[in-house]
Structure formats: C-alpha cells, structure tokens
Amino acid sequence: VGLFPNFTKTLGITIFPKKVINFFKGLVVNT
C-alpha cells in the first residue's frame, strides 16, 4: 500500500479480514 497505493487500490485487496468488517457492520446495523 505504501509503495503502490493506486495499484493495490485497483486490485481491491483489503488489509482487515472480511469477517471482522462484516461483524462490526452487522452489529451496528442490527442494533
């Protein structure tokens, strides 16, 4: 990300695991 910000953005790779993101988002939405 630090070396190739545009390239990594194009690839759509994420740093934080999807299950972590989905957990927090789902928790907020459901609450």
PDB file of all heavy atoms in Angstrom:
ATOM      1  N   VAL A   1       0.841  -1.205   0.000  1.00  0.00           N
ATOM      2  CA  VAL A   1       0.000   0.000   0.000  1.00  0.00           C
ATOM      3  C   VAL A   1       0.865   1.240   0.000  1.00  0.00           C
ATOM      4  O   VAL A   1       0.600   2.212  -0.708  1.00  0.00           O
ATOM      5  CB  VAL A   1      -0.961   0.000   1.210  1.00  0.00           C
ATOM      6  CG1 VAL A   1      -1.629   1.359   1.371  1.00  0.00           C
ATOM      7  CG2 VAL A   1      -2.024  -1.072   1.040  1.00  0.00           C
ATOM      8  N   GLY A   2       1.942   1.206   0.804  1.00  0.00           N
ATOM      9  CA  GLY A   2       2.842   2.352   0.860  1.00  0.00           C
ATOM     10  C   GLY A   2       3.607   2.551  -0.439  1.00  0.00           C
ATOM     11  O   GLY A   2       3.854   3.688  -0.860  1.00  0.00           O
ATOM     12  N   LEU A   3       3.962   1.452  -1.095  1.00  0.00           N
ATOM     13  CA  LEU A   3       4.760   1.553  -2.322  1.00  0.00           C
ATOM     14  C   LEU A   3       3.899   1.808  -3.559  1.00  0.00           C
ATOM     15  O   LEU A   3       4.253   2.611  -4.415  1.00  0.00           O
ATOM     16  CB  LEU A   3       5.563   0.257  -2.515  1.00  0.00           C
ATOM     17  CG  LEU A   3       6.588  -0.083  -1.442  1.00  0.00           C
ATOM     18  CD1 LEU A   3       7.247  -1.416  -1.756  1.00  0.00           C
ATOM     19  CD2 LEU A   3       7.658   1.009  -1.349  1.00  0.00           C
ATOM     20  N   PHE A   4       2.770   1.105  -3.645  1.00  0.00           N
ATOM     21  CA  PHE A   4       1.917   1.189  -4.836  1.00  0.00           C
ATOM     22  C   PHE A   4       0.463   1.440  -4.452  1.00  0.00           C
ATOM     23  O   PHE A   4      -0.391   0.549  -4.625  1.00  0.00           O
ATOM     24  CB  PHE A   4       2.006  -0.111  -5.653  1.00  0.00           C
ATOM     25  CG  PHE A   4       3.394  -0.588  -5.929  1.00  0.00           C
ATOM     26  CD1 PHE A   4       3.891  -1.703  -5.264  1.00  0.00           C
ATOM     27  CD2 PHE A   4       4.215   0.069  -6.837  1.00  0.00           C
ATOM     28  CE1 PHE A   4       5.170  -2.166  -5.520  1.00  0.00           C
ATOM     29  CE2 PHE A   4       5.495  -0.391  -7.078  1.00  0.00           C
ATOM     30  CZ  PHE A   4       5.980  -1.506  -6.425  1.00  0.00           C
ATOM     31  N   PRO A   5       0.131   2.589  -3.916  1.00  0.00           N
ATOM     32  CA  PRO A   5      -1.244   2.832  -3.451  1.00  0.00           C
ATOM     33  C   PRO A   5      -2.294   2.663  -4.541  1.00  0.00           C
ATOM     34  O   PRO A   5      -3.352   2.076  -4.315  1.00  0.00           O
ATOM     35  CB  PRO A   5      -1.189   4.279  -2.927  1.00  0.00           C
ATOM     36  CG  PRO A   5       0.025   4.881  -3.563  1.00  0.00           C
ATOM     37  CD  PRO A   5       0.996   3.770  -3.731  1.00  0.00           C
ATOM     38  N   ASN A   6      -2.027   3.161  -5.743  1.00  0.00           N
ATOM     39  CA  ASN A   6      -3.016   3.066  -6.827  1.00  0.00           C
ATOM     40  C   ASN A   6      -3.177   1.635  -7.322  1.00  0.00           C
ATOM     41  O   ASN A   6      -4.289   1.183  -7.620  1.00  0.00           O
ATOM     42  CB  ASN A   6      -2.618   3.980  -7.990  1.00  0.00           C
ATOM     43  CG  ASN A   6      -2.689   5.442  -7.608  1.00  0.00           C
ATOM     44  OD1 ASN A   6      -3.527   5.834  -6.809  1.00  0.00           O
ATOM     45  ND2 ASN A   6      -1.800   6.256  -8.159  1.00  0.00           N
ATOM     46  N   PHE A   7      -2.055   0.913  -7.407  1.00  0.00           N
ATOM     47  CA  PHE A   7      -2.081  -0.469  -7.879  1.00  0.00           C
ATOM     48  C   PHE A   7      -2.867  -1.357  -6.915  1.00  0.00           C
ATOM     49  O   PHE A   7      -3.723  -2.149  -7.328  1.00  0.00           O
ATOM     50  CB  PHE A   7      -0.652  -0.993  -8.034  1.00  0.00           C
ATOM     51  CG  PHE A   7      -0.577  -2.437  -8.454  1.00  0.00           C
ATOM     52  CD1 PHE A   7      -1.042  -2.845  -9.698  1.00  0.00           C
ATOM     53  CD2 PHE A   7      -0.044  -3.395  -7.601  1.00  0.00           C
ATOM     54  CE1 PHE A   7      -0.970  -4.173 -10.092  1.00  0.00           C
ATOM     55  CE2 PHE A   7       0.030  -4.723  -7.984  1.00  0.00           C
ATOM     56  CZ  PHE A   7      -0.425  -5.103  -9.231  1.00  0.00           C
ATOM     57  N   THR A   8      -2.605  -1.212  -5.600  1.00  0.00           N
ATOM     58  CA  THR A   8      -3.304  -2.032  -4.608  1.00  0.00           C
ATOM     59  C   THR A   8      -4.778  -1.674  -4.550  1.00  0.00           C
ATOM     60  O   THR A   8      -5.626  -2.528  -4.286  1.00  0.00           O
ATOM     61  CB  THR A   8      -2.667  -1.870  -3.217  1.00  0.00           C
ATOM     62  OG1 THR A   8      -2.525  -0.462  -2.920  1.00  0.00           O
ATOM     63  CG2 THR A   8      -1.302  -2.517  -3.171  1.00  0.00           C
ATOM     64  N   LYS A   9      -5.087  -0.399  -4.797  1.00  0.00           N
ATOM     65  CA  LYS A   9      -6.486   0.025  -4.834  1.00  0.00           C
ATOM     66  C   LYS A   9      -7.203  -0.658  -5.992  1.00  0.00           C
ATOM     67  O   LYS A   9      -8.339  -1.122  -5.871  1.00  0.00           O
ATOM     68  CB  LYS A   9      -6.570   1.545  -4.971  1.00  0.00           C
ATOM     69  CG  LYS A   9      -7.986   2.094  -5.054  1.00  0.00           C
ATOM     70  CD  LYS A   9      -7.961   3.599  -5.196  1.00  0.00           C
ATOM     71  CE  LYS A   9      -9.357   4.160  -5.384  1.00  0.00           C
ATOM     72  NZ  LYS A   9      -9.345   5.638  -5.557  1.00  0.00           N
ATOM     73  N   THR A  10      -6.525  -0.756  -7.141  1.00  0.00           N
ATOM     74  CA  THR A  10      -7.102  -1.400  -8.321  1.00  0.00           C
ATOM     75  C   THR A  10      -7.360  -2.880  -8.070  1.00  0.00           C
ATOM     76  O   THR A  10      -8.383  -3.433  -8.486  1.00  0.00           O
ATOM     77  CB  THR A  10      -6.161  -1.240  -9.531  1.00  0.00           C
ATOM     78  OG1 THR A  10      -5.935   0.147  -9.773  1.00  0.00           O
ATOM     79  CG2 THR A  10      -6.763  -1.876 -10.772  1.00  0.00           C
ATOM     80  N   LEU A  11      -6.429  -3.528  -7.359  1.00  0.00           N
ATOM     81  CA  LEU A  11      -6.582  -4.947  -7.062  1.00  0.00           C
ATOM     82  C   LEU A  11      -7.735  -5.210  -6.105  1.00  0.00           C
ATOM     83  O   LEU A  11      -8.320  -6.294  -6.097  1.00  0.00           O
ATOM     84  CB  LEU A  11      -5.282  -5.500  -6.460  1.00  0.00           C
ATOM     85  CG  LEU A  11      -4.089  -5.627  -7.400  1.00  0.00           C
ATOM     86  CD1 LEU A  11      -2.886  -6.164  -6.630  1.00  0.00           C
ATOM     87  CD2 LEU A  11      -4.411  -6.551  -8.576  1.00  0.00           C
ATOM     88  N   GLY A  12      -8.062  -4.196  -5.277  1.00  0.00           N
ATOM     89  CA  GLY A  12      -9.171  -4.348  -4.339  1.00  0.00           C
ATOM     90  C   GLY A  12      -8.857  -5.248  -3.167  1.00  0.00           C
ATOM     91  O   GLY A  12      -9.764  -5.763  -2.499  1.00  0.00           O
ATOM     92  N   ILE A  13      -7.564  -5.458  -2.891  1.00  0.00           N
ATOM     93  CA  ILE A  13      -7.175  -6.287  -1.749  1.00  0.00           C
ATOM     94  C   ILE A  13      -7.386  -5.496  -0.461  1.00  0.00           C
ATOM     95  O   ILE A  13      -7.112  -4.306  -0.400  1.00  0.00           O
ATOM     96  CB  ILE A  13      -5.691  -6.710  -1.865  1.00  0.00           C
ATOM     97  CG1 ILE A  13      -5.446  -7.428  -3.194  1.00  0.00           C
ATOM     98  CG2 ILE A  13      -5.276  -7.584  -0.691  1.00  0.00           C
ATOM     99  CD1 ILE A  13      -3.995  -7.747  -3.452  1.00  0.00           C
ATOM    100  N   THR A  14      -7.887  -6.161   0.569  1.00  0.00           N
ATOM    101  CA  THR A  14      -8.117  -5.476   1.843  1.00  0.00           C
ATOM    102  C   THR A  14      -7.145  -5.972   2.911  1.00  0.00           C
ATOM    103  O   THR A  14      -6.673  -7.113   2.852  1.00  0.00           O
ATOM    104  CB  THR A  14      -9.553  -5.703   2.338  1.00  0.00           C
ATOM    105  OG1 THR A  14      -9.771  -7.097   2.514  1.00  0.00           O
ATOM    106  CG2 THR A  14     -10.560  -5.158   1.328  1.00  0.00           C
ATOM    107  N   ILE A  15      -6.849  -5.098   3.877  1.00  0.00           N
ATOM    108  CA  ILE A  15      -5.958  -5.459   4.982  1.00  0.00           C
ATOM    109  C   ILE A  15      -6.739  -6.145   6.093  1.00  0.00           C
ATOM    110  O   ILE A  15      -6.336  -7.177   6.606  1.00  0.00           O
ATOM    111  CB  ILE A  15      -5.232  -4.211   5.519  1.00  0.00           C
ATOM    112  CG1 ILE A  15      -4.222  -3.707   4.486  1.00  0.00           C
ATOM    113  CG2 ILE A  15      -4.522  -4.525   6.836  1.00  0.00           C
ATOM    114  CD1 ILE A  15      -3.468  -2.474   4.908  1.00  0.00           C
ATOM    115  N   PHE A  16      -7.887  -5.557   6.451  1.00  0.00           N
ATOM    116  CA  PHE A  16      -8.669  -6.118   7.536  1.00  0.00           C
ATOM    117  C   PHE A  16      -9.526  -7.272   7.024  1.00  0.00           C
ATOM    118  O   PHE A  16     -10.183  -7.152   5.988  1.00  0.00           O
ATOM    119  CB  PHE A  16      -9.559  -5.039   8.160  1.00  0.00           C
ATOM    120  CG  PHE A  16      -8.776  -3.868   8.701  1.00  0.00           C
ATOM    121  CD1 PHE A  16      -8.957  -2.597   8.179  1.00  0.00           C
ATOM    122  CD2 PHE A  16      -7.851  -4.049   9.716  1.00  0.00           C
ATOM    123  CE1 PHE A  16      -8.233  -1.520   8.664  1.00  0.00           C
ATOM    124  CE2 PHE A  16      -7.122  -2.977  10.208  1.00  0.00           C
ATOM    125  CZ  PHE A  16      -7.314  -1.709   9.689  1.00  0.00           C
ATOM    126  N   PRO A  17      -9.543  -8.391   7.726  1.00  0.00           N
ATOM    127  CA  PRO A  17     -10.317  -9.550   7.283  1.00  0.00           C
ATOM    128  C   PRO A  17     -11.788  -9.206   7.088  1.00  0.00           C
ATOM    129  O   PRO A  17     -12.372  -8.440   7.860  1.00  0.00           O
ATOM    130  CB  PRO A  17     -10.143 -10.552   8.437  1.00  0.00           C
ATOM    131  CG  PRO A  17      -8.890 -10.125   9.136  1.00  0.00           C
ATOM    132  CD  PRO A  17      -8.827  -8.646   8.988  1.00  0.00           C
ATOM    133  N   LYS A  18     -12.391  -9.776   6.055  1.00  0.00           N
ATOM    134  CA  LYS A  18     -13.795  -9.509   5.743  1.00  0.00           C
ATOM    135  C   LYS A  18     -14.711  -9.877   6.913  1.00  0.00           C
ATOM    136  O   LYS A  18     -15.698  -9.188   7.189  1.00  0.00           O
ATOM    137  CB  LYS A  18     -14.214 -10.307   4.499  1.00  0.00           C
ATOM    138  CG  LYS A  18     -13.676  -9.763   3.187  1.00  0.00           C
ATOM    139  CD  LYS A  18     -14.342  -8.433   2.826  1.00  0.00           C
ATOM    140  CE  LYS A  18     -13.890  -7.964   1.440  1.00  0.00           C
ATOM    141  NZ  LYS A  18     -14.468  -6.629   1.117  1.00  0.00           N
ATOM    142  N   LYS A  19     -14.385 -10.961   7.615  1.00  0.00           N
ATOM    143  CA  LYS A  19     -15.254 -11.389   8.716  1.00  0.00           C
ATOM    144  C   LYS A  19     -15.256 -10.351   9.835  1.00  0.00           C
ATOM    145  O   LYS A  19     -16.280 -10.163  10.522  1.00  0.00           O
ATOM    146  CB  LYS A  19     -14.816 -12.752   9.257  1.00  0.00           C
ATOM    147  CG  LYS A  19     -13.503 -12.764  10.020  1.00  0.00           C
ATOM    148  CD  LYS A  19     -13.285 -14.108  10.703  1.00  0.00           C
ATOM    149  CE  LYS A  19     -12.023 -14.081  11.570  1.00  0.00           C
ATOM    150  NZ  LYS A  19     -11.811 -15.333  12.316  1.00  0.00           N
ATOM    151  N   VAL A  20     -14.135  -9.664  10.018  1.00  0.00           N
ATOM    152  CA  VAL A  20     -14.071  -8.616  11.040  1.00  0.00           C
ATOM    153  C   VAL A  20     -14.934  -7.431  10.641  1.00  0.00           C
ATOM    154  O   VAL A  20     -15.729  -6.915  11.432  1.00  0.00           O
ATOM    155  CB  VAL A  20     -12.603  -8.162  11.254  1.00  0.00           C
ATOM    156  CG1 VAL A  20     -12.543  -6.961  12.190  1.00  0.00           C
ATOM    157  CG2 VAL A  20     -11.768  -9.311  11.801  1.00  0.00           C
ATOM    158  N   ILE A  21     -14.795  -7.005   9.384  1.00  0.00           N
ATOM    159  CA  ILE A  21     -15.572  -5.871   8.881  1.00  0.00           C
ATOM    160  C   ILE A  21     -17.065  -6.193   8.919  1.00  0.00           C
ATOM    161  O   ILE A  21     -17.881  -5.383   9.374  1.00  0.00           O
ATOM    162  CB  ILE A  21     -15.136  -5.516   7.445  1.00  0.00           C
ATOM    163  CG1 ILE A  21     -13.641  -5.172   7.407  1.00  0.00           C
ATOM    164  CG2 ILE A  21     -15.968  -4.365   6.904  1.00  0.00           C
ATOM    165  CD1 ILE A  21     -13.239  -4.026   8.281  1.00  0.00           C
ATOM    166  N   ASN A  22     -17.423  -7.381   8.441  1.00  0.00           N
ATOM    167  CA  ASN A  22     -18.833  -7.765   8.410  1.00  0.00           C
ATOM    168  C   ASN A  22     -19.422  -7.880   9.819  1.00  0.00           C
ATOM    169  O   ASN A  22     -20.597  -7.562  10.044  1.00  0.00           O
ATOM    170  CB  ASN A  22     -19.008  -9.091   7.668  1.00  0.00           C
ATOM    171  CG  ASN A  22     -18.711  -8.950   6.182  1.00  0.00           C
ATOM    172  OD1 ASN A  22     -18.803  -7.864   5.623  1.00  0.00           O
ATOM    173  ND2 ASN A  22     -18.340 -10.050   5.537  1.00  0.00           N
ATOM    174  N   PHE A  23     -18.607  -8.332  10.763  1.00  0.00           N
ATOM    175  CA  PHE A  23     -19.070  -8.450  12.143  1.00  0.00           C
ATOM    176  C   PHE A  23     -19.454  -7.083  12.706  1.00  0.00           C
ATOM    177  O   PHE A  23     -20.543  -6.907  13.265  1.00  0.00           O
ATOM    178  CB  PHE A  23     -17.982  -9.085  13.011  1.00  0.00           C
ATOM    179  CG  PHE A  23     -18.312  -9.089  14.481  1.00  0.00           C
ATOM    180  CD1 PHE A  23     -19.164 -10.036  15.022  1.00  0.00           C
ATOM    181  CD2 PHE A  23     -17.765  -8.124  15.322  1.00  0.00           C
ATOM    182  CE1 PHE A  23     -19.474 -10.030  16.378  1.00  0.00           C
ATOM    183  CE2 PHE A  23     -18.068  -8.108  16.686  1.00  0.00           C
ATOM    184  CZ  PHE A  23     -18.920  -9.067  17.212  1.00  0.00           C
ATOM    185  N   PHE A  24     -18.548  -6.111  12.567  1.00  0.00           N
ATOM    186  CA  PHE A  24     -18.821  -4.785  13.119  1.00  0.00           C
ATOM    187  C   PHE A  24     -19.979  -4.104  12.397  1.00  0.00           C
ATOM    188  O   PHE A  24     -20.855  -3.501  13.033  1.00  0.00           O
ATOM    189  CB  PHE A  24     -17.571  -3.920  13.052  1.00  0.00           C
ATOM    190  CG  PHE A  24     -16.574  -4.214  14.134  1.00  0.00           C
ATOM    191  CD1 PHE A  24     -15.366  -4.817  13.848  1.00  0.00           C
ATOM    192  CD2 PHE A  24     -16.862  -3.894  15.449  1.00  0.00           C
ATOM    193  CE1 PHE A  24     -14.460  -5.095  14.851  1.00  0.00           C
ATOM    194  CE2 PHE A  24     -15.961  -4.174  16.465  1.00  0.00           C
ATOM    195  CZ  PHE A  24     -14.751  -4.780  16.160  1.00  0.00           C
ATOM    196  N   LYS A  25     -19.982  -4.214  11.089  1.00  0.00           N
ATOM    197  CA  LYS A  25     -21.062  -3.581  10.331  1.00  0.00           C
ATOM    198  C   LYS A  25     -22.408  -4.211  10.696  1.00  0.00           C
ATOM    199  O   LYS A  25     -23.401  -3.510  10.939  1.00  0.00           O
ATOM    200  CB  LYS A  25     -20.803  -3.701   8.833  1.00  0.00           C
ATOM    201  CG  LYS A  25     -21.845  -2.987   7.977  1.00  0.00           C
ATOM    202  CD  LYS A  25     -21.500  -3.076   6.491  1.00  0.00           C
ATOM    203  CE  LYS A  25     -22.578  -2.413   5.646  1.00  0.00           C
ATOM    204  NZ  LYS A  25     -22.280  -2.487   4.203  1.00  0.00           N
ATOM    205  N   GLY A  26     -22.444  -5.539  10.733  1.00  0.00           N
ATOM    206  CA  GLY A  26     -23.684  -6.229  11.060  1.00  0.00           C
ATOM    207  C   GLY A  26     -24.164  -5.909  12.464  1.00  0.00           C
ATOM    208  O   GLY A  26     -25.365  -5.727  12.702  1.00  0.00           O
ATOM    209  N   LEU A  27     -23.209  -5.786  13.395  1.00  0.00           N
ATOM    210  CA  LEU A  27     -23.558  -5.484  14.775  1.00  0.00           C
ATOM    211  C   LEU A  27     -24.226  -4.116  14.886  1.00  0.00           C
ATOM    212  O   LEU A  27     -25.254  -3.954  15.548  1.00  0.00           O
ATOM    213  CB  LEU A  27     -22.298  -5.534  15.642  1.00  0.00           C
ATOM    214  CG  LEU A  27     -22.486  -5.431  17.153  1.00  0.00           C
ATOM    215  CD1 LEU A  27     -23.386  -6.533  17.659  1.00  0.00           C
ATOM    216  CD2 LEU A  27     -21.125  -5.485  17.836  1.00  0.00           C
ATOM    217  N   VAL A  28     -23.640  -3.129  14.205  1.00  0.00           N
ATOM    218  CA  VAL A  28     -24.189  -1.771  14.243  1.00  0.00           C
ATOM    219  C   VAL A  28     -25.559  -1.731  13.571  1.00  0.00           C
ATOM    220  O   VAL A  28     -26.530  -1.191  14.128  1.00  0.00           O
ATOM    221  CB  VAL A  28     -23.225  -0.775  13.560  1.00  0.00           C
ATOM    222  CG1 VAL A  28     -23.883   0.595  13.421  1.00  0.00           C
ATOM    223  CG2 VAL A  28     -21.933  -0.664  14.354  1.00  0.00           C
ATOM    224  N   VAL A  29     -25.649  -2.296  12.382  1.00  0.00           N
ATOM    225  CA  VAL A  29     -26.908  -2.270  11.627  1.00  0.00           C
ATOM    226  C   VAL A  29     -28.019  -2.966  12.397  1.00  0.00           C
ATOM    227  O   VAL A  29     -29.133  -2.430  12.544  1.00  0.00           O
ATOM    228  CB  VAL A  29     -26.719  -2.919  10.238  1.00  0.00           C
ATOM    229  CG1 VAL A  29     -28.061  -3.096   9.545  1.00  0.00           C
ATOM    230  CG2 VAL A  29     -25.782  -2.080   9.372  1.00  0.00           C
ATOM    231  N   ASN A  30     -27.731  -4.148  12.923  1.00  0.00           N
ATOM    232  CA  ASN A  30     -28.761  -4.907  13.641  1.00  0.00           C
ATOM    233  C   ASN A  30     -29.195  -4.198  14.926  1.00  0.00           C
ATOM    234  O   ASN A  30     -30.380  -4.195  15.273  1.00  0.00           O
ATOM    235  CB  ASN A  30     -28.247  -6.318  13.974  1.00  0.00           C
ATOM    236  CG  ASN A  30     -28.054  -7.164  12.737  1.00  0.00           C
ATOM    237  OD1 ASN A  30     -28.681  -6.920  11.705  1.00  0.00           O
ATOM    238  ND2 ASN A  30     -27.178  -8.154  12.818  1.00  0.00           N
ATOM    239  N   THR A  31     -28.218  -3.613  15.623  1.00  0.00           N
ATOM    240  CA  THR A  31     -28.548  -2.904  16.867  1.00  0.00           C
ATOM    241  C   THR A  31     -29.427  -1.701  16.587  1.00  0.00           C
ATOM    242  O   THR A  31     -30.436  -1.463  17.276  1.00  0.00           O
ATOM    243  CB  THR A  31     -27.260  -2.447  17.585  1.00  0.00           C
ATOM    244  OG1 THR A  31     -26.458  -3.587  17.892  1.00  0.00           O
ATOM    245  CG2 THR A  31     -27.588  -1.708  18.875  1.00  0.00           C
TER     246      THR A  31
END
